[in-house]
Amino acid sequence: MTEADEPDPHHRRRVLLTVLGVVGVLALNLAAYLALTQPAAQEAIEGLARFIYPGAFLLAFLANVTVLIPIPYNGVLLAVLGEAPLPWLAAALAALGSVLGELTGYAAGRAGRVATAATRPVTWASERMGSTRRAFGFLFLVAAVPNPLFDMAGLAAGTLRIPLRVFLVAVFLGRLLRFLAFAYLGIAVG
């Protein structure tokens, strides 16, 4: 075996880290889904409403940490934000929790770049994020409206290696807009 025929040890390490990263993200998703669907977890989530500010953060974080398994949380968050004495603060904390939770999708896209790049939804989202400016606008828009397909946008952003700061700012601002609307809607119908 010549030196040219020997496998690159850095390549093996990258492949191993990619596999471990994808398995880790999937395990985290499965654990979060199983935990959040248990009756005790549902009671705990409802109990979070009493602690408006940390509750808004934790609820948004836990609901968004899953990738490809949507956790319906908008209704509960609408009620929580509508009870907040400082609705803008509760909305900002929910947006922060949400964007931190969405990092799992972004990380999965970065880790499984080859595997996720070929999927139809990720390809569709990737076509809309051809430049950093377009990526920011697209991520902002899909984060601002309640939809279960945001995970595909997060995977695509990671796959395309959109700068992390662009992802974080666009998603935070989009979610902040959504949660501010929730807060003031909750107050209006309250």
Protein backbone atom coordinates (compact mmCIF):
# COMPACT_ATOMS: atom_id res chain seq x y z
CA MET A 1 0.00 0.00 0.00
CA THR A 2 1.47 3.31 -1.03
CA GLU A 3 1.20 6.53 0.91
CA ALA A 4 -1.30 7.85 -1.65
CA ASP A 5 -3.57 4.81 -1.06
CA GLU A 6 -3.77 5.34 2.72
CA PRO A 7 -7.00 6.94 3.93
CA ASP A 8 -6.72 10.49 5.21
CA PRO A 9 -7.03 10.37 9.03
CA HIS A 10 -8.68 13.81 9.01
CA HIS A 11 -11.34 12.53 6.61
CA ARG A 12 -12.14 9.60 8.90
CA ARG A 13 -12.37 11.94 11.86
CA ARG A 14 -14.73 14.31 10.00
CA VAL A 15 -16.95 11.40 8.94
CA LEU A 16 -17.03 10.05 12.50
CA LEU A 17 -17.85 13.48 13.94
CA THR A 18 -20.59 13.94 11.34
CA VAL A 19 -22.14 10.57 12.15
CA LEU A 20 -21.90 11.23 15.89
CA GLY A 21 -23.39 14.71 15.44
CA VAL A 22 -26.35 13.43 13.42
CA VAL A 23 -26.96 10.55 15.85
CA GLY A 24 -26.69 12.98 18.78
CA VAL A 25 -29.19 15.40 17.26
CA LEU A 26 -31.61 12.57 16.45
CA ALA A 27 -31.27 11.16 19.98
CA LEU A 28 -31.90 14.62 21.45
CA ASN A 29 -34.96 15.00 19.22
CA LEU A 30 -36.37 11.62 20.18
CA ALA A 31 -35.76 12.25 23.88
CA ALA A 32 -37.38 15.70 23.70
CA TYR A 33 -40.37 14.35 21.81
CA LEU A 34 -40.87 11.44 24.21
CA ALA A 35 -40.44 13.69 27.23
CA LEU A 36 -42.78 16.39 25.96
CA THR A 37 -45.57 13.94 25.10
CA GLN A 38 -45.75 12.42 28.57
CA PRO A 39 -48.70 13.49 30.76
CA ALA A 40 -46.35 14.75 33.47
CA ALA A 41 -44.54 16.91 30.92
CA GLN A 42 -47.84 18.30 29.65
CA GLU A 43 -48.77 19.25 33.22
CA ALA A 44 -45.34 20.83 33.71
CA ILE A 45 -45.74 22.83 30.50
CA GLU A 46 -49.11 24.10 31.71
CA GLY A 47 -47.44 24.92 35.05
CA LEU A 48 -44.87 27.03 33.24
CA ALA A 49 -47.64 29.50 32.48
CA ARG A 50 -47.49 30.58 36.14
CA PHE A 51 -43.87 31.61 35.65
CA ILE A 52 -44.44 33.81 32.66
CA TYR A 53 -40.93 34.94 31.76
CA PRO A 54 -38.89 31.78 32.37
CA GLY A 55 -41.90 29.78 31.20
CA ALA A 56 -42.01 31.58 27.85
CA PHE A 57 -38.28 30.98 27.35
CA LEU A 58 -38.35 27.29 28.35
CA LEU A 59 -41.52 26.47 26.46
CA ALA A 60 -40.18 28.01 23.25
CA PHE A 61 -36.79 26.36 23.70
CA LEU A 62 -38.16 22.87 24.37
CA ALA A 63 -40.68 23.05 21.54
CA ASN A 64 -38.02 24.14 19.03
CA VAL A 65 -35.19 21.84 20.03
CA THR A 66 -36.76 19.04 18.00
CA VAL A 67 -35.99 18.66 14.31
CA LEU A 68 -38.62 17.21 11.97
CA ILE A 69 -40.97 16.44 14.89
CA PRO A 70 -43.15 19.51 15.34
CA ILE A 71 -44.30 20.20 18.89
CA PRO A 72 -47.47 22.33 18.88
CA TYR A 73 -46.81 25.13 21.34
CA ASN A 74 -48.18 28.29 19.75
CA GLY A 75 -51.53 28.10 21.56
CA VAL A 76 -49.96 27.70 25.00
CA LEU A 77 -47.43 30.43 24.26
CA LEU A 78 -50.22 32.74 23.09
CA ALA A 79 -51.92 32.32 26.47
CA VAL A 80 -48.67 32.76 28.42
CA LEU A 81 -47.64 35.90 26.53
CA GLY A 82 -51.12 37.38 26.88
CA GLU A 83 -50.77 37.24 30.68
CA ALA A 84 -47.39 38.98 30.83
CA PRO A 85 -47.24 42.35 32.61
CA LEU A 86 -44.34 43.21 30.27
CA PRO A 87 -45.41 41.56 27.00
CA TRP A 88 -42.35 42.77 25.07
CA LEU A 89 -40.03 41.10 27.62
CA ALA A 90 -41.94 37.81 27.54
CA ALA A 91 -41.92 37.89 23.73
CA ALA A 92 -38.17 38.59 23.65
CA LEU A 93 -37.47 35.71 26.05
CA ALA A 94 -39.66 33.37 24.00
CA ALA A 95 -37.84 34.46 20.83
CA LEU A 96 -34.48 33.82 22.51
CA GLY A 97 -35.56 30.36 23.67
CA SER A 98 -36.93 29.61 20.23
CA VAL A 99 -33.79 30.61 18.34
CA LEU A 100 -31.57 28.65 20.74
CA GLY A 101 -33.80 25.61 20.25
CA GLU A 102 -33.64 26.01 16.48
CA LEU A 103 -29.85 25.67 16.62
CA THR A 104 -30.36 21.89 16.59
CA GLY A 105 -31.74 22.04 13.04
CA TYR A 106 -28.96 24.35 11.94
CA ALA A 107 -26.36 22.06 13.55
CA ALA A 108 -27.93 18.98 11.97
CA GLY A 109 -27.71 20.67 8.58
CA ARG A 110 -24.04 21.49 9.13
CA ALA A 111 -23.22 18.03 10.45
CA GLY A 112 -25.17 16.05 7.87
CA ARG A 113 -24.49 18.35 4.96
CA VAL A 114 -24.22 15.58 2.39
CA ALA A 115 -27.27 13.67 3.65
CA THR A 116 -29.60 16.66 4.00
CA ALA A 117 -28.59 18.51 0.83
CA ALA A 118 -30.38 16.04 -1.46
CA THR A 119 -33.81 16.21 0.18
CA ARG A 120 -36.57 18.00 -1.72
CA PRO A 121 -37.63 20.44 1.09
CA VAL A 122 -34.03 21.39 1.87
CA THR A 123 -33.31 21.86 -1.84
CA TRP A 124 -36.39 24.12 -2.14
CA ALA A 125 -35.32 26.20 0.89
CA SER A 126 -31.71 26.29 -0.37
CA GLU A 127 -32.83 27.77 -3.67
CA ARG A 128 -34.38 30.68 -1.77
CA MET A 129 -31.22 31.35 0.22
CA GLY A 130 -28.76 31.91 -2.61
CA SER A 131 -27.01 34.84 -0.91
CA THR A 132 -26.58 36.04 2.66
CA ARG A 133 -29.11 38.85 2.13
CA ARG A 134 -31.68 36.48 0.62
CA ALA A 135 -31.00 33.93 3.38
CA PHE A 136 -31.64 36.58 6.04
CA GLY A 137 -34.93 37.63 4.43
CA PHE A 138 -36.11 34.07 3.87
CA LEU A 139 -35.22 32.94 7.41
CA PHE A 140 -36.87 36.03 8.88
CA LEU A 141 -40.10 35.41 6.95
CA VAL A 142 -40.40 31.70 7.69
CA ALA A 143 -39.55 32.31 11.38
CA ALA A 144 -42.17 35.06 11.70
CA VAL A 145 -45.14 32.97 10.61
CA PRO A 146 -46.26 29.89 12.53
CA ASN A 147 -45.45 26.91 10.34
CA PRO A 148 -44.13 23.40 10.93
CA LEU A 149 -41.72 23.63 8.00
CA PHE A 150 -39.18 25.92 9.62
CA ASP A 151 -37.00 22.92 10.44
CA MET A 152 -36.31 22.51 6.71
CA ALA A 153 -35.14 26.12 6.53
CA GLY A 154 -32.87 25.57 9.54
CA LEU A 155 -31.44 22.40 7.98
CA ALA A 156 -30.93 24.23 4.68
CA ALA A 157 -29.19 27.15 6.43
CA GLY A 158 -26.80 24.74 8.11
CA THR A 159 -26.28 22.76 4.92
CA LEU A 160 -25.49 25.94 2.99
CA ARG A 161 -23.24 27.13 5.81
CA ILE A 162 -25.15 30.38 6.16
CA PRO A 163 -23.16 32.34 8.77
CA LEU A 164 -24.40 31.53 12.27
CA ARG A 165 -24.86 35.21 13.14
CA VAL A 166 -27.15 35.68 10.11
CA PHE A 167 -29.19 32.63 11.15
CA LEU A 168 -29.45 33.74 14.79
CA VAL A 169 -30.39 37.36 14.06
CA ALA A 170 -32.90 36.56 11.30
CA VAL A 171 -34.65 33.84 13.32
CA PHE A 172 -34.63 35.89 16.52
CA LEU A 173 -36.17 38.93 14.81
CA GLY A 174 -38.75 36.80 12.98
CA ARG A 175 -39.76 35.00 16.16
CA LEU A 176 -39.78 38.26 18.11
CA LEU A 177 -42.25 39.71 15.62
CA ARG A 178 -44.44 36.59 15.90
CA PHE A 179 -44.35 36.51 19.69
CA LEU A 180 -45.02 40.24 20.01
CA ALA A 181 -48.10 39.70 17.85
CA PHE A 182 -49.08 36.76 20.10
CA ALA A 183 -48.59 38.83 23.25
CA TYR A 184 -50.69 41.76 22.09
CA LEU A 185 -53.32 39.47 20.56
CA GLY A 186 -53.50 37.59 23.87
CA ILE A 187 -53.97 40.86 25.73
CA ALA A 188 -56.65 42.03 23.28
CA VAL A 189 -58.73 38.86 23.55
CA GLY A 190 -57.67 38.20 27.15
